[in-house]
Amino acid sequence: MWRWLVMLSLMAVVGFAVAQDDDKPKTKAQPKAKKGDDSLELEADPNALGKKPANKKELLDKISYAMGMQIGKMKQNGFDLDPKRVIKGMEDAMQGKEAEFADQEINKAFEAYEPLRKSSMAKSGEDFLAANKGKEGIKTLTSGVQYKVLASGKGASPKATDTVKVHYQGRLIDGKFFDGSYTGDAPAKRDKPAEFPLNGVIKGFKESLTHMKVGDKWTVYLPSDLAYGERGSPPTIGPHAVLIFDLELVEILE
């Protein structure tokens, strides 16, 4: 299990890089490797790698940092890791040293920690919602979704079977952004709203939008059982995570 968890985190780095590359416009210029050389020779487009050939060390510096960031993000999933021990484990592995613990012992540690991790994250979410409930302007739906009206529209409300056009931004309770149709404080002109069939989204998202009218802007707070529940959505969303969304219902699509 523990190997799978670490690999999943590191694969996210590779997946992100591939996704970013796929989003780039394709050009005829392709990097051409030179035999016996660590650099890449570009046939065209000198801006592609920062106006100079990228060498192996520069590339690995960036990749190493990205992998460190990904391991650090495991804290969002309830793993408050000791950086010194992480570095020690990496150094031992890279130097070919024998591990301090047998795989069986490590597996037992993960199994013993798992209920503690989930319990801690569940309590964090419950405490957040309990405190948030008493804040000015916060209302609660019967399902447990908390919301605050930022702006009121005059349009229709969607049915649970409708497809909607929505501007949204999702955050964890520590304020960290995890998804959205825009990344700033508010949608810019270039930002396009997302389209969702309401029968294909998490329960709390659906519940919120079916109570909104076109033109409404709400901030909603979703209990974990109306979001990704006990399993979460690794590596970004941990177990029992409360999710916060800024929502703007733009349009109900036919």
Foldseek 3Di string as FASTA:
>chain_A
DVVVQLVVLLVVLVVVVVVVVVPDDDDPKDWDDDPPAQWTDIPDDCPPPPNDIDGPVVVVVVSVVSSVVSVVLQVLQQDPDDVVVVVVVVVCVVVVHDDPDDPVVVVVVCVVCLVVSLVVQQVVLVVVLVVVCPDPQWDADPVGKIKHWPDADDAAADDLQFKFWKFKWKAFPVGHTDDTQDDDPDDDPVGGTDIGGNPPAFQSVSVVRNPGGQAIWMKMKAFQVRHVAQPFDPDNGYHRTIMIMTMHGHGTDD
